[in-house]
């Protein structure tokens, strides 16, 4: 079993290195090669993914919730008028969003640092089966924690909105509303980008 895991991890590392060479990033460090394959699966470049993780954006991490009708606070705030949010609902949603953003930013920075450390193991020819496994496990734990931060927020939105508002949210999102480009108060000074 360990041999299978090691083979899969080495294959993934080889794909990331190939993606790095193909995109011309060379040996930039900073975790860009490590983020390239994960980013490409969701249509983000490595640079977009890294910026999104630093800014606490979802980067597709909340798709299981969003795709199944669990509203996200960023989109709820963006569509507050269409959803007829009360002042109390708006305040609770903003508080939830701010809390999520703070947790996601910290974990995003941590994830990028850990991915950079894994890349450095290979770049500096220091990788061993034990160091590879330890680094990959740390990354996996951080990714899981980050996913939980985003998904927990979607769960909490179900307690803030009424069933009718949730249904309206789903209909609005299916019709293309709520792009995530409108910025809630907490990050209004940041440039728009890919958001969840």
Protein backbone atom coordinates (compact mmCIF):
# COMPACT_ATOMS: atom_id res chain seq x y z
CA UNK A 1 0.00 0.00 0.00
CA UNK A 2 2.82 2.42 0.90
CA UNK A 3 4.49 1.66 -2.42
CA UNK A 4 1.25 2.52 -4.26
CA UNK A 5 0.90 5.82 -2.37
CA UNK A 6 4.53 6.70 -3.01
CA UNK A 7 4.17 5.89 -6.71
CA UNK A 8 1.04 8.07 -6.97
CA UNK A 9 2.76 10.97 -5.18
CA UNK A 10 5.86 10.70 -7.35
CA UNK A 11 3.71 10.59 -10.47
CA UNK A 12 1.89 13.73 -9.32
CA UNK A 13 5.20 15.47 -8.64
CA UNK A 14 6.44 14.52 -12.10
CA UNK A 15 3.27 15.93 -13.67
CA UNK A 16 3.70 19.16 -11.72
CA UNK A 17 7.31 19.46 -12.85
CA UNK A 18 6.25 18.89 -16.45
CA UNK A 19 3.52 21.51 -16.10
CA UNK A 20 6.10 23.91 -14.66
CA UNK A 21 8.46 23.39 -17.59
CA UNK A 22 5.61 23.65 -20.09
CA UNK A 23 4.38 26.96 -18.71
CA UNK A 24 7.86 28.41 -18.55
CA UNK A 25 7.93 29.08 -14.81
CA UNK A 26 11.30 27.39 -14.38
CA UNK A 27 12.66 27.28 -10.83
CA UNK A 28 10.73 30.14 -9.27
CA UNK A 29 10.22 28.48 -5.89
CA UNK A 30 7.14 30.03 -4.22
CA UNK A 31 5.08 26.88 -4.78
CA UNK A 32 3.94 27.72 -8.31
CA UNK A 33 4.80 24.30 -9.73
CA UNK A 34 3.06 22.63 -6.82
CA UNK A 35 -0.09 24.65 -7.42
CA UNK A 36 -0.17 24.27 -11.20
CA UNK A 37 -1.91 20.92 -11.50
CA UNK A 38 -4.46 21.63 -8.75
CA UNK A 39 -5.24 25.00 -10.30
CA UNK A 40 -5.62 23.65 -13.82
CA UNK A 41 -8.35 21.24 -12.76
CA UNK A 42 -10.61 24.19 -11.91
CA UNK A 43 -9.53 26.50 -14.73
CA UNK A 44 -7.31 28.75 -12.59
CA UNK A 45 -3.70 29.46 -13.46
CA UNK A 46 -1.14 28.83 -10.73
CA UNK A 47 -0.90 32.59 -10.18
CA UNK A 48 -4.69 33.00 -9.90
CA UNK A 49 -4.92 30.10 -7.46
CA UNK A 50 -2.09 31.46 -5.30
CA UNK A 51 -3.63 34.95 -5.22
CA UNK A 52 -7.05 33.49 -4.40
CA UNK A 53 -5.67 31.39 -1.56
CA UNK A 54 -3.85 34.39 -0.09
CA UNK A 55 -7.06 36.46 -0.27
CA UNK A 56 -9.26 33.75 1.28
CA UNK A 57 -11.37 33.15 -1.83
CA UNK A 58 -13.08 29.82 -2.40
CA UNK A 59 -11.21 28.74 -5.54
CA UNK A 60 -13.75 25.94 -6.08
CA UNK A 61 -13.40 24.52 -2.56
CA UNK A 62 -17.10 25.04 -1.82
CA UNK A 63 -18.42 23.42 -5.00
CA UNK A 64 -19.98 20.45 -3.16
CA UNK A 65 -22.14 22.90 -1.19
CA UNK A 66 -22.78 25.50 -3.89
CA UNK A 67 -23.62 22.85 -6.46
CA UNK A 68 -26.23 21.35 -4.17
CA UNK A 69 -28.10 24.50 -3.16
CA UNK A 70 -26.21 25.60 -0.05
CA UNK A 71 -25.73 29.37 -0.41
CA UNK A 72 -22.38 31.05 0.06
CA UNK A 73 -22.18 34.30 2.03
CA UNK A 74 -20.32 36.25 -0.66
CA UNK A 75 -23.06 35.57 -3.19
CA UNK A 76 -25.81 36.13 -0.64
CA UNK A 77 -24.40 39.58 0.15
CA UNK A 78 -24.06 40.30 -3.56
CA UNK A 79 -27.73 39.41 -4.12
CA UNK A 80 -29.04 40.86 -0.85
CA UNK A 81 -31.68 42.95 -2.64
CA UNK A 82 -33.02 40.11 -4.77
CA UNK A 83 -33.16 37.88 -1.68
CA UNK A 84 -34.88 40.58 0.42
CA UNK A 85 -32.44 40.13 3.28
CA UNK A 86 -33.47 41.71 6.54
CA UNK A 87 -30.97 43.95 8.35
CA UNK A 88 -30.39 41.12 10.83
CA UNK A 89 -29.79 38.57 8.05
CA UNK A 90 -27.40 40.93 6.31
CA UNK A 91 -25.43 41.53 9.53
CA UNK A 92 -25.25 37.80 10.32
CA UNK A 93 -24.17 36.99 6.76
CA UNK A 94 -21.48 39.69 6.82
CA UNK A 95 -20.22 38.38 10.17
CA UNK A 96 -20.11 34.85 8.80
CA UNK A 97 -18.29 36.02 5.70
CA UNK A 98 -15.73 37.98 7.73
CA UNK A 99 -15.08 34.98 9.98
CA UNK A 100 -14.66 32.66 6.99
CA UNK A 101 -12.34 35.12 5.26
CA UNK A 102 -10.03 35.41 8.27
CA UNK A 103 -9.72 31.63 8.64
CA UNK A 104 -9.33 31.00 4.93
CA UNK A 105 -6.59 33.60 4.50
CA UNK A 106 -4.47 32.07 7.26
CA UNK A 107 -4.89 28.56 5.91
CA UNK A 108 -4.31 29.72 2.32
CA UNK A 109 -0.95 31.23 3.27
CA UNK A 110 -0.07 28.08 5.19
CA UNK A 111 -1.00 25.84 2.24
CA UNK A 112 1.11 27.84 -0.19
CA UNK A 113 4.09 27.69 2.19
CA UNK A 114 3.72 23.92 2.57
CA UNK A 115 3.45 23.44 -1.20
CA UNK A 116 6.59 25.57 -1.58
CA UNK A 117 8.40 23.35 0.93
CA UNK A 118 7.41 20.24 -1.02
CA UNK A 119 8.63 21.79 -4.24
CA UNK A 120 11.92 22.76 -2.55
CA UNK A 121 12.49 19.16 -1.48
CA UNK A 122 12.59 18.15 -5.12
CA UNK A 123 14.28 21.29 -6.44
CA UNK A 124 17.11 20.91 -3.91
CA UNK A 125 17.32 17.13 -4.42
CA UNK A 126 16.51 16.52 -0.73
CA UNK A 127 13.36 14.45 -1.23
CA UNK A 128 13.22 11.07 0.45
CA UNK A 129 10.24 8.75 0.79
CA UNK A 130 9.82 9.83 4.43
CA UNK A 131 10.12 13.59 3.77
CA UNK A 132 7.81 13.32 0.78
CA UNK A 133 5.16 11.51 2.78
CA UNK A 134 5.39 13.95 5.69
CA UNK A 135 5.15 17.00 3.42
CA UNK A 136 2.25 15.54 1.43
CA UNK A 137 0.35 14.71 4.62
CA UNK A 138 0.80 18.26 5.95
CA UNK A 139 -0.53 19.64 2.66
CA UNK A 140 -3.48 17.27 2.72
CA UNK A 141 -4.39 18.25 6.28
CA UNK A 142 -4.21 21.96 5.45
CA UNK A 143 -6.28 21.50 2.27
CA UNK A 144 -8.90 19.61 4.29
CA UNK A 145 -9.02 22.33 6.95
CA UNK A 146 -9.41 24.99 4.28
CA UNK A 147 -12.22 23.09 2.58
CA UNK A 148 -14.00 22.72 5.94
CA UNK A 149 -13.76 26.49 6.56
CA UNK A 150 -15.50 27.21 3.26
CA UNK A 151 -18.06 24.42 3.43
CA UNK A 152 -18.96 25.10 7.07
CA UNK A 153 -19.85 28.65 6.03
CA UNK A 154 -22.31 27.36 3.43
CA UNK A 155 -23.89 25.11 6.07
CA UNK A 156 -24.27 28.05 8.44
CA UNK A 157 -26.02 30.11 5.74
CA UNK A 158 -28.88 27.60 5.84
CA UNK A 159 -29.64 28.76 9.40
CA UNK A 160 -29.68 32.43 8.37
CA UNK A 161 -31.87 32.27 5.26
CA UNK A 162 -35.47 31.10 5.04
CA UNK A 163 -36.30 28.12 2.80
CA UNK A 164 -37.90 30.53 0.33
CA UNK A 165 -34.72 32.62 0.21
CA UNK A 166 -32.61 29.51 -0.34
CA UNK A 167 -34.86 28.49 -3.24
CA UNK A 168 -34.64 32.02 -4.67
CA UNK A 169 -30.85 31.95 -4.27
CA UNK A 170 -30.60 28.68 -6.20
CA UNK A 171 -32.80 30.02 -9.00
CA UNK A 172 -30.79 33.24 -9.21
CA UNK A 173 -27.48 31.40 -9.30
CA UNK A 174 -28.74 29.04 -12.01
CA UNK A 175 -29.73 32.06 -14.10
CA UNK A 176 -26.21 33.47 -13.80
CA UNK A 177 -26.61 35.95 -10.94
CA UNK A 178 -24.07 36.22 -8.17
CA UNK A 179 -20.80 36.15 -10.05
CA UNK A 180 -18.83 36.75 -6.86
CA UNK A 181 -17.27 39.84 -8.38
CA UNK A 182 -19.20 42.22 -6.13
CA UNK A 183 -17.20 42.61 -2.98
CA UNK A 184 -18.66 42.38 0.52
CA UNK A 185 -17.61 45.09 2.96
CA UNK A 186 -14.72 43.07 4.40
CA UNK A 187 -12.77 42.97 1.15
CA UNK A 188 -14.25 45.90 -0.76
CA UNK A 189 -10.82 47.42 -1.29
CA UNK A 190 -9.44 44.37 -3.10
CA UNK A 191 -9.56 43.99 -6.90
CA UNK A 192 -12.24 41.68 -8.27
CA UNK A 193 -11.22 38.21 -9.35
CA UNK A 194 -12.41 34.61 -9.25
CA UNK A 195 -14.53 34.17 -6.15
CA UNK A 196 -16.83 31.55 -4.75
